[in-house]
PDB file of N, CA and C in Angstrom:
ATOM      1  N   MET A   1      -0.273  32.031 -29.256  1.00  0.00           N
ATOM      2  CA  MET A   1      -0.462  30.931 -28.346  1.00  0.00           C
ATOM      3  C   MET A   1      -1.620  31.263 -27.390  1.00  0.00           C
ATOM      4  N   ASN A   2      -2.401  30.249 -27.065  1.00  0.00           N
ATOM      5  CA  ASN A   2      -3.504  30.498 -26.141  1.00  0.00           C
ATOM      6  C   ASN A   2      -3.027  30.315 -24.692  1.00  0.00           C
ATOM      7  N   PRO A   3      -3.816  30.778 -23.711  1.00  0.00           N
ATOM      8  CA  PRO A   3      -3.388  30.687 -22.310  1.00  0.00           C
ATOM      9  C   PRO A   3      -3.124  29.265 -21.822  1.00  0.00           C
ATOM     10  N   ALA A   4      -3.849  28.277 -22.333  1.00  0.00           N
ATOM     11  CA  ALA A   4      -3.613  26.886 -21.925  1.00  0.00           C
ATOM     12  C   ALA A   4      -2.218  26.434 -22.356  1.00  0.00           C
ATOM     13  N   GLU A   5      -1.837  26.780 -23.571  1.00  0.00           N
ATOM     14  CA  GLU A   5      -0.500  26.431 -24.055  1.00  0.00           C
ATOM     15  C   GLU A   5       0.569  27.173 -23.262  1.00  0.00           C
ATOM     16  N   ASN A   6       0.327  28.440 -22.954  1.00  0.00           N
ATOM     17  CA  ASN A   6       1.268  29.212 -22.143  1.00  0.00           C
ATOM     18  C   ASN A   6       1.451  28.573 -20.769  1.00  0.00           C
ATOM     19  N   TYR A   7       0.360  28.128 -20.159  1.00  0.00           N
ATOM     20  CA  TYR A   7       0.424  27.464 -18.857  1.00  0.00           C
ATOM     21  C   TYR A   7       1.379  26.277 -18.931  1.00  0.00           C
ATOM     22  N   ILE A   8       1.220  25.457 -19.940  1.00  0.00           N
ATOM     23  CA  ILE A   8       2.045  24.258 -20.089  1.00  0.00           C
ATOM     24  C   ILE A   8       3.507  24.619 -20.304  1.00  0.00           C
ATOM     25  N   LEU A   9       3.754  25.538 -21.217  1.00  0.00           N
ATOM     26  CA  LEU A   9       5.135  25.901 -21.548  1.00  0.00           C
ATOM     27  C   LEU A   9       5.836  26.665 -20.428  1.00  0.00           C
ATOM     28  N   ASP A  10       5.095  27.272 -19.537  1.00  0.00           N
ATOM     29  CA  ASP A  10       5.689  28.020 -18.426  1.00  0.00           C
ATOM     30  C   ASP A  10       6.060  27.155 -17.219  1.00  0.00           C
ATOM     31  N   GLN A  11       5.756  25.874 -17.266  1.00  0.00           N
ATOM     32  CA  GLN A  11       6.060  24.988 -16.136  1.00  0.00           C
ATOM     33  C   GLN A  11       7.534  24.595 -16.144  1.00  0.00           C
ATOM     34  N   PRO A  12       8.084  24.248 -14.977  1.00  0.00           N
ATOM     35  CA  PRO A  12       9.477  23.767 -14.937  1.00  0.00           C
ATOM     36  C   PRO A  12       9.644  22.532 -15.829  1.00  0.00           C
ATOM     37  N   GLU A  13      10.834  22.346 -16.330  1.00  0.00           N
ATOM     38  CA  GLU A  13      11.089  21.354 -17.384  1.00  0.00           C
ATOM     39  C   GLU A  13      10.536  19.966 -17.110  1.00  0.00           C
ATOM     40  N   ALA A  14      10.782  19.379 -15.985  1.00  0.00           N
ATOM     41  CA  ALA A  14      10.314  17.995 -15.761  1.00  0.00           C
ATOM     42  C   ALA A  14       8.798  17.908 -15.909  1.00  0.00           C
ATOM     43  N   PHE A  15       8.091  18.871 -15.379  1.00  0.00           N
ATOM     44  CA  PHE A  15       6.625  18.859 -15.441  1.00  0.00           C
ATOM     45  C   PHE A  15       6.121  19.265 -16.823  1.00  0.00           C
ATOM     46  N   ARG A  16       6.840  20.147 -17.485  1.00  0.00           N
ATOM     47  CA  ARG A  16       6.468  20.545 -18.847  1.00  0.00           C
ATOM     48  C   ARG A  16       6.486  19.330 -19.770  1.00  0.00           C
ATOM     49  N   SER A  17       7.496  18.484 -19.638  1.00  0.00           N
ATOM     50  CA  SER A  17       7.575  17.276 -20.472  1.00  0.00           C
ATOM     51  C   SER A  17       6.405  16.340 -20.206  1.00  0.00           C
ATOM     52  N   VAL A  18       6.042  16.191 -18.943  1.00  0.00           N
ATOM     53  CA  VAL A  18       4.889  15.351 -18.595  1.00  0.00           C
ATOM     54  C   VAL A  18       3.623  15.942 -19.201  1.00  0.00           C
ATOM     55  N   LEU A  19       3.420  17.242 -19.040  1.00  0.00           N
ATOM     56  CA  LEU A  19       2.225  17.909 -19.576  1.00  0.00           C
ATOM     57  C   LEU A  19       2.146  17.790 -21.095  1.00  0.00           C
ATOM     58  N   LEU A  20       3.265  18.020 -21.776  1.00  0.00           N
ATOM     59  CA  LEU A  20       3.266  17.927 -23.240  1.00  0.00           C
ATOM     60  C   LEU A  20       2.961  16.511 -23.709  1.00  0.00           C
ATOM     61  N   HIS A  21       3.511  15.524 -23.014  1.00  0.00           N
ATOM     62  CA  HIS A  21       3.235  14.134 -23.385  1.00  0.00           C
ATOM     63  C   HIS A  21       1.758  13.803 -23.172  1.00  0.00           C
ATOM     64  N   LEU A  22       1.216  14.213 -22.029  1.00  0.00           N
ATOM     65  CA  LEU A  22      -0.204  13.955 -21.756  1.00  0.00           C
ATOM     66  C   LEU A  22      -1.087  14.616 -22.810  1.00  0.00           C
ATOM     67  N   CYS A  23      -0.771  15.849 -23.174  1.00  0.00           N
ATOM     68  CA  CYS A  23      -1.544  16.538 -24.228  1.00  0.00           C
ATOM     69  C   CYS A  23      -1.500  15.751 -25.530  1.00  0.00           C
ATOM     70  N   SER A  24      -0.327  15.292 -25.880  1.00  0.00           N
ATOM     71  CA  SER A  24      -0.169  14.539 -27.116  1.00  0.00           C
ATOM     72  C   SER A  24      -1.026  13.276 -27.113  1.00  0.00           C
ATOM     73  N   VAL A  25      -0.999  12.546 -26.018  1.00  0.00           N
ATOM     74  CA  VAL A  25      -1.769  11.304 -25.933  1.00  0.00           C
ATOM     75  C   VAL A  25      -3.268  11.603 -25.911  1.00  0.00           C
ATOM     76  N   VAL A  26      -3.681  12.599 -25.154  1.00  0.00           N
ATOM     77  CA  VAL A  26      -5.105  12.959 -25.113  1.00  0.00           C
ATOM     78  C   VAL A  26      -5.585  13.322 -26.513  1.00  0.00           C
ATOM     79  N   GLU A  27      -4.847  14.163 -27.205  1.00  0.00           N
ATOM     80  CA  GLU A  27      -5.283  14.649 -28.520  1.00  0.00           C
ATOM     81  C   GLU A  27      -5.236  13.564 -29.597  1.00  0.00           C
ATOM     82  N   ARG A  28      -4.368  12.574 -29.452  1.00  0.00           N
ATOM     83  CA  ARG A  28      -4.335  11.456 -30.402  1.00  0.00           C
ATOM     84  C   ARG A  28      -5.413  10.430 -30.104  1.00  0.00           C
ATOM     85  N   THR A  29      -5.799  10.314 -28.845  1.00  0.00           N
ATOM     86  CA  THR A  29      -6.757   9.286 -28.428  1.00  0.00           C
ATOM     87  C   THR A  29      -8.194   9.765 -28.537  1.00  0.00           C
ATOM     88  N   VAL A  30      -8.430  10.996 -28.168  1.00  0.00           N
ATOM     89  CA  VAL A  30      -9.783  11.569 -28.162  1.00  0.00           C
ATOM     90  C   VAL A  30      -9.773  12.722 -29.162  1.00  0.00           C
ATOM     91  N   VAL A  31     -10.125  12.421 -30.390  1.00  0.00           N
ATOM     92  CA  VAL A  31      -9.918  13.371 -31.483  1.00  0.00           C
ATOM     93  C   VAL A  31     -10.811  14.604 -31.435  1.00  0.00           C
ATOM     94  N   ASP A  32     -11.929  14.566 -30.747  1.00  0.00           N
ATOM     95  CA  ASP A  32     -12.838  15.709 -30.770  1.00  0.00           C
ATOM     96  C   ASP A  32     -12.717  16.603 -29.535  1.00  0.00           C
ATOM     97  N   VAL A  33     -11.554  16.584 -28.869  1.00  0.00           N
ATOM     98  CA  VAL A  33     -11.357  17.444 -27.705  1.00  0.00           C
ATOM     99  C   VAL A  33     -10.912  18.838 -28.133  1.00  0.00           C
ATOM    100  N   ASP A  34     -11.247  19.801 -27.296  1.00  0.00           N
ATOM    101  CA  ASP A  34     -10.885  21.187 -27.538  1.00  0.00           C
ATOM    102  C   ASP A  34     -10.183  21.710 -26.295  1.00  0.00           C
ATOM    103  N   LEU A  35      -8.926  22.141 -26.450  1.00  0.00           N
ATOM    104  CA  LEU A  35      -8.144  22.631 -25.313  1.00  0.00           C
ATOM    105  C   LEU A  35      -8.516  24.075 -25.019  1.00  0.00           C
ATOM    106  N   LYS A  36      -8.938  24.322 -23.764  1.00  0.00           N
ATOM    107  CA  LYS A  36      -9.306  25.667 -23.316  1.00  0.00           C
ATOM    108  C   LYS A  36      -8.568  25.962 -22.018  1.00  0.00           C
ATOM    109  N   TYR A  37      -8.660  27.195 -21.586  1.00  0.00           N
ATOM    110  CA  TYR A  37      -8.059  27.609 -20.332  1.00  0.00           C
ATOM    111  C   TYR A  37      -9.188  28.033 -19.404  1.00  0.00           C
ATOM    112  N   LYS A  38      -9.491  27.187 -18.427  1.00  0.00           N
ATOM    113  CA  LYS A  38     -10.583  27.444 -17.480  1.00  0.00           C
ATOM    114  C   LYS A  38     -10.068  27.220 -16.069  1.00  0.00           C
ATOM    115  N   TYR A  39     -10.564  27.996 -15.139  1.00  0.00           N
ATOM    116  CA  TYR A  39     -10.183  27.850 -13.728  1.00  0.00           C
ATOM    117  C   TYR A  39      -8.664  27.939 -13.539  1.00  0.00           C
ATOM    118  N   ARG A  40      -8.000  28.684 -14.410  1.00  0.00           N
ATOM    119  CA  ARG A  40      -6.555  28.933 -14.400  1.00  0.00           C
ATOM    120  C   ARG A  40      -5.710  27.691 -14.700  1.00  0.00           C
ATOM    121  N   ILE A  41      -6.303  26.694 -15.373  1.00  0.00           N
ATOM    122  CA  ILE A  41      -5.569  25.499 -15.806  1.00  0.00           C
ATOM    123  C   ILE A  41      -6.078  25.053 -17.177  1.00  0.00           C
ATOM    124  N   PRO A  42      -5.288  24.232 -17.902  1.00  0.00           N
ATOM    125  CA  PRO A  42      -5.748  23.701 -19.190  1.00  0.00           C
ATOM    126  C   PRO A  42      -6.855  22.659 -18.978  1.00  0.00           C
ATOM    127  N   PHE A  43      -7.917  22.815 -19.733  1.00  0.00           N
ATOM    128  CA  PHE A  43      -9.073  21.924 -19.671  1.00  0.00           C
ATOM    129  C   PHE A  43      -9.384  21.437 -21.077  1.00  0.00           C
ATOM    130  N   TYR A  44      -9.642  20.162 -21.209  1.00  0.00           N
ATOM    131  CA  TYR A  44     -10.139  19.630 -22.475  1.00  0.00           C
ATOM    132  C   TYR A  44     -11.657  19.534 -22.389  1.00  0.00           C
ATOM    133  N   TYR A  45     -12.301  20.012 -23.441  1.00  0.00           N
ATOM    134  CA  TYR A  45     -13.762  19.982 -23.546  1.00  0.00           C
ATOM    135  C   TYR A  45     -14.159  19.144 -24.750  1.00  0.00           C
ATOM    136  N   ILE A  46     -15.314  18.511 -24.647  1.00  0.00           N
ATOM    137  CA  ILE A  46     -15.923  17.801 -25.771  1.00  0.00           C
ATOM    138  C   ILE A  46     -17.347  18.326 -25.894  1.00  0.00           C
ATOM    139  N   ASP A  47     -17.682  18.830 -27.059  1.00  0.00           N
ATOM    140  CA  ASP A  47     -19.026  19.372 -27.308  1.00  0.00           C
ATOM    141  C   ASP A  47     -19.437  20.381 -26.237  1.00  0.00           C
ATOM    142  N   GLY A  48     -18.510  21.222 -25.826  1.00  0.00           N
ATOM    143  CA  GLY A  48     -18.804  22.263 -24.855  1.00  0.00           C
ATOM    144  C   GLY A  48     -18.882  21.804 -23.408  1.00  0.00           C
ATOM    145  N   LYS A  49     -18.576  20.527 -23.145  1.00  0.00           N
ATOM    146  CA  LYS A  49     -18.645  19.989 -21.780  1.00  0.00           C
ATOM    147  C   LYS A  49     -17.249  19.582 -21.320  1.00  0.00           C
ATOM    148  N   PRO A  50     -16.919  19.821 -20.038  1.00  0.00           N
ATOM    149  CA  PRO A  50     -15.592  19.457 -19.550  1.00  0.00           C
ATOM    150  C   PRO A  50     -15.350  17.945 -19.624  1.00  0.00           C
ATOM    151  N   PHE A  51     -14.150  17.582 -20.063  1.00  0.00           N
ATOM    152  CA  PHE A  51     -13.769  16.179 -20.182  1.00  0.00           C
ATOM    153  C   PHE A  51     -12.653  15.846 -19.184  1.00  0.00           C
ATOM    154  N   CYS A  52     -11.541  16.558 -19.276  1.00  0.00           N
ATOM    155  CA  CYS A  52     -10.438  16.344 -18.352  1.00  0.00           C
ATOM    156  C   CYS A  52      -9.607  17.612 -18.260  1.00  0.00           C
ATOM    157  N   TYR A  53      -8.742  17.661 -17.250  1.00  0.00           N
ATOM    158  CA  TYR A  53      -7.891  18.832 -17.075  1.00  0.00           C
ATOM    159  C   TYR A  53      -6.468  18.411 -16.735  1.00  0.00           C
ATOM    160  N   LEU A  54      -5.558  19.354 -16.906  1.00  0.00           N
ATOM    161  CA  LEU A  54      -4.150  19.162 -16.569  1.00  0.00           C
ATOM    162  C   LEU A  54      -3.782  20.188 -15.511  1.00  0.00           C
ATOM    163  N   ASN A  55      -3.137  19.739 -14.449  1.00  0.00           N
ATOM    164  CA  ASN A  55      -2.768  20.656 -13.389  1.00  0.00           C
ATOM    165  C   ASN A  55      -1.431  20.266 -12.786  1.00  0.00           C
ATOM    166  N   HIS A  56      -0.506  21.219 -12.776  1.00  0.00           N
ATOM    167  CA  HIS A  56       0.766  21.009 -12.082  1.00  0.00           C
ATOM    168  C   HIS A  56       0.583  21.523 -10.669  1.00  0.00           C
ATOM    169  N   SER A  57       0.754  20.653  -9.708  1.00  0.00           N
ATOM    170  CA  SER A  57       0.542  21.018  -8.314  1.00  0.00           C
ATOM    171  C   SER A  57       1.720  20.526  -7.483  1.00  0.00           C
ATOM    172  N   LYS A  58       2.508  21.416  -6.983  1.00  0.00           N
ATOM    173  CA  LYS A  58       3.679  21.126  -6.145  1.00  0.00           C
ATOM    174  C   LYS A  58       4.660  20.199  -6.843  1.00  0.00           C
ATOM    175  N   ASP A  59       4.550  18.896  -6.599  1.00  0.00           N
ATOM    176  CA  ASP A  59       5.558  17.973  -7.133  1.00  0.00           C
ATOM    177  C   ASP A  59       4.968  16.898  -8.042  1.00  0.00           C
ATOM    178  N   TYR A  60       3.829  17.172  -8.659  1.00  0.00           N
ATOM    179  CA  TYR A  60       3.235  16.204  -9.575  1.00  0.00           C
ATOM    180  C   TYR A  60       2.331  16.922 -10.581  1.00  0.00           C
ATOM    181  N   VAL A  61       1.939  16.155 -11.592  1.00  0.00           N
ATOM    182  CA  VAL A  61       0.966  16.622 -12.579  1.00  0.00           C
ATOM    183  C   VAL A  61      -0.263  15.738 -12.445  1.00  0.00           C
ATOM    184  N   ASP A  62      -1.404  16.365 -12.374  1.00  0.00           N
ATOM    185  CA  ASP A  62      -2.684  15.664 -12.315  1.00  0.00           C
ATOM    186  C   ASP A  62      -3.348  15.714 -13.688  1.00  0.00           C
ATOM    187  N   LEU A  63      -3.785  14.563 -14.161  1.00  0.00           N
ATOM    188  CA  LEU A  63      -4.693  14.499 -15.307  1.00  0.00           C
ATOM    189  C   LEU A  63      -6.026  14.084 -14.703  1.00  0.00           C
ATOM    190  N   GLY A  64      -6.880  15.078 -14.474  1.00  0.00           N
ATOM    191  CA  GLY A  64      -8.129  14.850 -13.768  1.00  0.00           C
ATOM    192  C   GLY A  64      -9.288  14.632 -14.713  1.00  0.00           C
ATOM    193  N   PHE A  65     -10.140  13.696 -14.390  1.00  0.00           N
ATOM    194  CA  PHE A  65     -11.295  13.370 -15.217  1.00  0.00           C
ATOM    195  C   PHE A  65     -12.559  13.886 -14.557  1.00  0.00           C
ATOM    196  N   TRP A  66     -13.277  14.719 -15.289  1.00  0.00           N
ATOM    197  CA  TRP A  66     -14.445  15.419 -14.788  1.00  0.00           C
ATOM    198  C   TRP A  66     -15.500  14.471 -14.244  1.00  0.00           C
ATOM    199  N   ASN A  67     -15.751  13.371 -14.928  1.00  0.00           N
ATOM    200  CA  ASN A  67     -16.721  12.365 -14.467  1.00  0.00           C
ATOM    201  C   ASN A  67     -15.993  11.117 -13.983  1.00  0.00           C
ATOM    202  N   GLY A  68     -14.961  11.339 -13.204  1.00  0.00           N
ATOM    203  CA  GLY A  68     -14.125  10.247 -12.729  1.00  0.00           C
ATOM    204  C   GLY A  68     -14.849   9.221 -11.885  1.00  0.00           C
ATOM    205  N   ASN A  69     -15.928   9.640 -11.247  1.00  0.00           N
ATOM    206  CA  ASN A  69     -16.688   8.695 -10.430  1.00  0.00           C
ATOM    207  C   ASN A  69     -17.354   7.610 -11.266  1.00  0.00           C
ATOM    208  N   LYS A  70     -17.400   7.792 -12.579  1.00  0.00           N
ATOM    209  CA  LYS A  70     -18.013   6.792 -13.465  1.00  0.00           C
ATOM    210  C   LYS A  70     -16.980   5.889 -14.139  1.00  0.00           C
ATOM    211  N   LEU A  71     -15.714   6.149 -13.913  1.00  0.00           N
ATOM    212  CA  LEU A  71     -14.673   5.343 -14.552  1.00  0.00           C
ATOM    213  C   LEU A  71     -14.654   3.934 -13.981  1.00  0.00           C
ATOM    214  N   THR A  72     -14.291   2.974 -14.836  1.00  0.00           N
ATOM    215  CA  THR A  72     -14.284   1.571 -14.428  1.00  0.00           C
ATOM    216  C   THR A  72     -12.937   0.886 -14.656  1.00  0.00           C
ATOM    217  N   LYS A  73     -12.044   1.490 -15.423  1.00  0.00           N
ATOM    218  CA  LYS A  73     -10.773   0.842 -15.778  1.00  0.00           C
ATOM    219  C   LYS A  73      -9.612   1.414 -14.978  1.00  0.00           C
ATOM    220  N   HIS A  74      -8.743   0.551 -14.557  1.00  0.00           N
ATOM    221  CA  HIS A  74      -7.494   0.907 -13.877  1.00  0.00           C
ATOM    222  C   HIS A  74      -7.730   1.795 -12.659  1.00  0.00           C
ATOM    223  N   LEU A  75      -8.733   1.467 -11.888  1.00  0.00           N
ATOM    224  CA  LEU A  75      -9.061   2.255 -10.699  1.00  0.00           C
ATOM    225  C   LEU A  75      -7.908   2.284  -9.696  1.00  0.00           C
ATOM    226  N   GLU A  76      -7.069   1.253  -9.727  1.00  0.00           N
ATOM    227  CA  GLU A  76      -5.944   1.194  -8.796  1.00  0.00           C
ATOM    228  C   GLU A  76      -4.902   2.280  -9.067  1.00  0.00           C
ATOM    229  N   PHE A  77      -4.947   2.890 -10.263  1.00  0.00           N
ATOM    230  CA  PHE A  77      -4.007   3.955 -10.613  1.00  0.00           C
ATOM    231  C   PHE A  77      -4.622   5.348 -10.465  1.00  0.00           C
ATOM    232  N   LEU A  78      -5.895   5.395 -10.169  1.00  0.00           N
ATOM    233  CA  LEU A  78      -6.599   6.677 -10.065  1.00  0.00           C
ATOM    234  C   LEU A  78      -6.688   7.120  -8.608  1.00  0.00           C
ATOM    235  N   THR A  79      -6.535   8.400  -8.388  1.00  0.00           N
ATOM    236  CA  THR A  79      -6.653   8.947  -7.042  1.00  0.00           C
ATOM    237  C   THR A  79      -7.864   9.871  -6.963  1.00  0.00           C
ATOM    238  N   THR A  80      -8.476   9.905  -5.789  1.00  0.00           N
ATOM    239  CA  THR A  80      -9.639  10.770  -5.599  1.00  0.00           C
ATOM    240  C   THR A  80      -9.316  11.979  -4.740  1.00  0.00           C
ATOM    241  N   GLU A  81      -8.350  11.855  -3.820  1.00  0.00           N
ATOM    242  CA  GLU A  81      -7.995  12.961  -2.937  1.00  0.00           C
ATOM    243  C   GLU A  81      -9.224  13.565  -2.272  1.00  0.00           C
ATOM    244  N   LYS A  82     -10.109  12.736  -1.795  1.00  0.00           N
ATOM    245  CA  LYS A  82     -11.333  13.157  -1.105  1.00  0.00           C
ATOM    246  C   LYS A  82     -12.294  13.939  -2.007  1.00  0.00           C
ATOM    247  N   ARG A  83     -12.181  13.740  -3.308  1.00  0.00           N
ATOM    248  CA  ARG A  83     -13.107  14.365  -4.253  1.00  0.00           C
ATOM    249  C   ARG A  83     -14.198  13.364  -4.589  1.00  0.00           C
ATOM    250  N   LYS A  84     -15.410  13.837  -4.751  1.00  0.00           N
ATOM    251  CA  LYS A  84     -16.536  12.940  -5.013  1.00  0.00           C
ATOM    252  C   LYS A  84     -16.678  12.593  -6.485  1.00  0.00           C
ATOM    253  N   LEU A  85     -16.452  13.543  -7.371  1.00  0.00           N
ATOM    254  CA  LEU A  85     -16.700  13.317  -8.790  1.00  0.00           C
ATOM    255  C   LEU A  85     -15.435  13.131  -9.610  1.00  0.00           C
ATOM    256  N   ILE A  86     -14.363  13.734  -9.204  1.00  0.00           N
ATOM    257  CA  ILE A  86     -13.141  13.744 -10.018  1.00  0.00           C
ATOM    258  C   ILE A  86     -12.160  12.685  -9.526  1.00  0.00           C
ATOM    259  N   LYS A  87     -11.607  11.959 -10.493  1.00  0.00           N
ATOM    260  CA  LYS A  87     -10.489  11.050 -10.236  1.00  0.00           C
ATOM    261  C   LYS A  87      -9.378  11.468 -11.175  1.00  0.00           C
ATOM    262  N   SER A  88      -8.148  11.189 -10.783  1.00  0.00           N
ATOM    263  CA  SER A  88      -7.045  11.628 -11.624  1.00  0.00           C
ATOM    264  C   SER A  88      -5.909  10.620 -11.651  1.00  0.00           C
ATOM    265  N   LEU A  89      -5.190  10.677 -12.753  1.00  0.00           N
ATOM    266  CA  LEU A  89      -3.917   9.981 -12.877  1.00  0.00           C
ATOM    267  C   LEU A  89      -2.864  10.999 -12.480  1.00  0.00           C
ATOM    268  N   ARG A  90      -1.906  10.603 -11.676  1.00  0.00           N
ATOM    269  CA  ARG A  90      -0.934  11.534 -11.126  1.00  0.00           C
ATOM    270  C   ARG A  90       0.473  11.068 -11.495  1.00  0.00           C
ATOM    271  N   TYR A  91       1.271  12.017 -11.997  1.00  0.00           N
ATOM    272  CA  TYR A  91       2.625  11.691 -12.455  1.00  0.00           C
ATOM    273  C   TYR A  91       3.638  12.705 -11.935  1.00  0.00           C
ATOM    274  N   LYS A  92       4.784  12.195 -11.491  1.00  0.00           N
ATOM    275  CA  LYS A  92       5.893  13.056 -11.092  1.00  0.00           C
ATOM    276  C   LYS A  92       6.962  13.125 -12.177  1.00  0.00           C
ATOM    277  N   PHE A  93       7.074  12.047 -12.940  1.00  0.00           N
ATOM    278  CA  PHE A  93       8.116  11.956 -13.957  1.00  0.00           C
ATOM    279  C   PHE A  93       7.540  11.399 -15.254  1.00  0.00           C
ATOM    280  N   LEU A  94       8.112  11.803 -16.351  1.00  0.00           N
ATOM    281  CA  LEU A  94       7.681  11.323 -17.663  1.00  0.00           C
ATOM    282  C   LEU A  94       7.768   9.805 -17.753  1.00  0.00           C
ATOM    283  N   GLU A  95       8.795   9.231 -17.144  1.00  0.00           N
ATOM    284  CA  GLU A  95       9.011   7.784 -17.211  1.00  0.00           C
ATOM    285  C   GLU A  95       7.922   6.982 -16.493  1.00  0.00           C
ATOM    286  N   GLU A  96       7.160   7.624 -15.636  1.00  0.00           N
ATOM    287  CA  GLU A  96       6.089   6.940 -14.906  1.00  0.00           C
ATOM    288  C   GLU A  96       4.848   6.692 -15.765  1.00  0.00           C
ATOM    289  N   ILE A  97       4.741   7.394 -16.860  1.00  0.00           N
ATOM    290  CA  ILE A  97       3.527   7.309 -17.666  1.00  0.00           C
ATOM    291  C   ILE A  97       3.506   6.008 -18.455  1.00  0.00           C
ATOM    292  N   ASP A  98       2.503   5.208 -18.223  1.00  0.00           N
ATOM    293  CA  ASP A  98       2.270   3.985 -18.985  1.00  0.00           C
ATOM    294  C   ASP A  98       1.187   4.325 -20.007  1.00  0.00           C
ATOM    295  N   ASP A  99       1.590   4.472 -21.260  1.00  0.00           N
ATOM    296  CA  ASP A  99       0.649   4.908 -22.296  1.00  0.00           C
ATOM    297  C   ASP A  99      -0.514   3.945 -22.480  1.00  0.00           C
ATOM    298  N   VAL A 100      -0.305   2.672 -22.269  1.00  0.00           N
ATOM    299  CA  VAL A 100      -1.395   1.698 -22.412  1.00  0.00           C
ATOM    300  C   VAL A 100      -2.488   1.996 -21.387  1.00  0.00           C
ATOM    301  N   ILE A 101      -2.090   2.190 -20.135  1.00  0.00           N
ATOM    302  CA  ILE A 101      -3.058   2.509 -19.081  1.00  0.00           C
ATOM    303  C   ILE A 101      -3.701   3.857 -19.359  1.00  0.00           C
ATOM    304  N   LEU A 102      -2.897   4.841 -19.710  1.00  0.00           N
ATOM    305  CA  LEU A 102      -3.414   6.182 -19.994  1.00  0.00           C
ATOM    306  C   LEU A 102      -4.462   6.147 -21.099  1.00  0.00           C
ATOM    307  N   ILE A 103      -4.184   5.460 -22.178  1.00  0.00           N
ATOM    308  CA  ILE A 103      -5.116   5.389 -23.310  1.00  0.00           C
ATOM    309  C   ILE A 103      -6.395   4.650 -22.918  1.00  0.00           C
ATOM    310  N   GLU A 104      -6.261   3.578 -22.164  1.00  0.00           N
ATOM    311  CA  GLU A 104      -7.461   2.840 -21.745  1.00  0.00           C
ATOM    312  C   GLU A 104      -8.337   3.681 -20.813  1.00  0.00           C
ATOM    313  N   VAL A 105      -7.724   4.461 -19.929  1.00  0.00           N
ATOM    314  CA  VAL A 105      -8.501   5.339 -19.044  1.00  0.00           C
ATOM    315  C   VAL A 105      -9.160   6.452 -19.864  1.00  0.00           C
ATOM    316  N   LEU A 106      -8.437   7.009 -20.823  1.00  0.00           N
ATOM    317  CA  LEU A 106      -9.022   8.044 -21.689  1.00  0.00           C
ATOM    318  C   LEU A 106     -10.224   7.504 -22.467  1.00  0.00           C
ATOM    319  N   LYS A 107     -10.095   6.298 -23.005  1.00  0.00           N
ATOM    320  CA  LYS A 107     -11.218   5.706 -23.743  1.00  0.00           C
ATOM    321  C   LYS A 107     -12.403   5.411 -22.813  1.00  0.00           C
ATOM    322  N   ASP A 108     -12.111   4.983 -21.598  1.00  0.00           N
ATOM    323  CA  ASP A 108     -13.168   4.747 -20.617  1.00  0.00           C
ATOM    324  C   ASP A 108     -13.869   6.065 -20.282  1.00  0.00           C
ATOM    325  N   ALA A 109     -13.089   7.121 -20.053  1.00  0.00           N
ATOM    326  CA  ALA A 109     -13.665   8.436 -19.736  1.00  0.00           C
ATOM    327  C   ALA A 109     -14.520   8.946 -20.897  1.00  0.00           C
ATOM    328  N   TYR A 110     -14.060   8.702 -22.108  1.00  0.00           N
ATOM    329  CA  TYR A 110     -14.833   9.121 -23.286  1.00  0.00           C
ATOM    330  C   TYR A 110     -16.157   8.355 -23.346  1.00  0.00           C
ATOM    331  N   ALA A 111     -16.124   7.083 -23.027  1.00  0.00           N
ATOM    332  CA  ALA A 111     -17.337   6.240 -23.094  1.00  0.00           C
ATOM    333  C   ALA A 111     -18.369   6.639 -22.036  1.00  0.00           C
ATOM    334  N   VAL A 112     -17.922   7.123 -20.874  1.00  0.00           N
ATOM    335  CA  VAL A 112     -18.882   7.440 -19.806  1.00  0.00           C
ATOM    336  C   VAL A 112     -19.210   8.920 -19.716  1.00  0.00           C
ATOM    337  N   ARG A 113     -18.660   9.726 -20.635  1.00  0.00           N
ATOM    338  CA  ARG A 113     -18.928  11.171 -20.594  1.00  0.00           C
ATOM    339  C   ARG A 113     -20.401  11.447 -20.844  1.00  0.00           C
ATOM    340  N   PRO A 114     -20.923  12.522 -20.276  1.00  0.00           N
ATOM    341  CA  PRO A 114     -22.319  12.879 -20.564  1.00  0.00           C
ATOM    342  C   PRO A 114     -22.445  13.367 -22.000  1.00  0.00           C
ATOM    343  N   THR A 115     -23.479  12.973 -22.662  1.00  0.00           N
ATOM    344  CA  THR A 115     -23.664  13.396 -24.064  1.00  0.00           C
ATOM    345  C   THR A 115     -24.810  14.352 -24.211  1.00  0.00           C
TER     346      THR A 115
END
């Protein structure tokens, strides 16, 4: 197992389920992503460039988008937390995840990624 997978599996159960679901949706939606372990968290890369990351922080999971400032879809669900470039979808429970919104944001992030 690689360190990114270990990070996910080592999280408390509620957050582990959220992380595993997010990984599944990311990998089914964006087929050319590569899961790596960078900055002590799981990061998805496309063609050697950061795409998004997964981070368990206190009481939620962040799915952060590297070029979040360029996203155009479902902005009302994205948080910036005073960050200039990164926006993220934030989840506390598996039941909060709306796969339709998640997939549309992933496709938007893929469309605006630097090539």
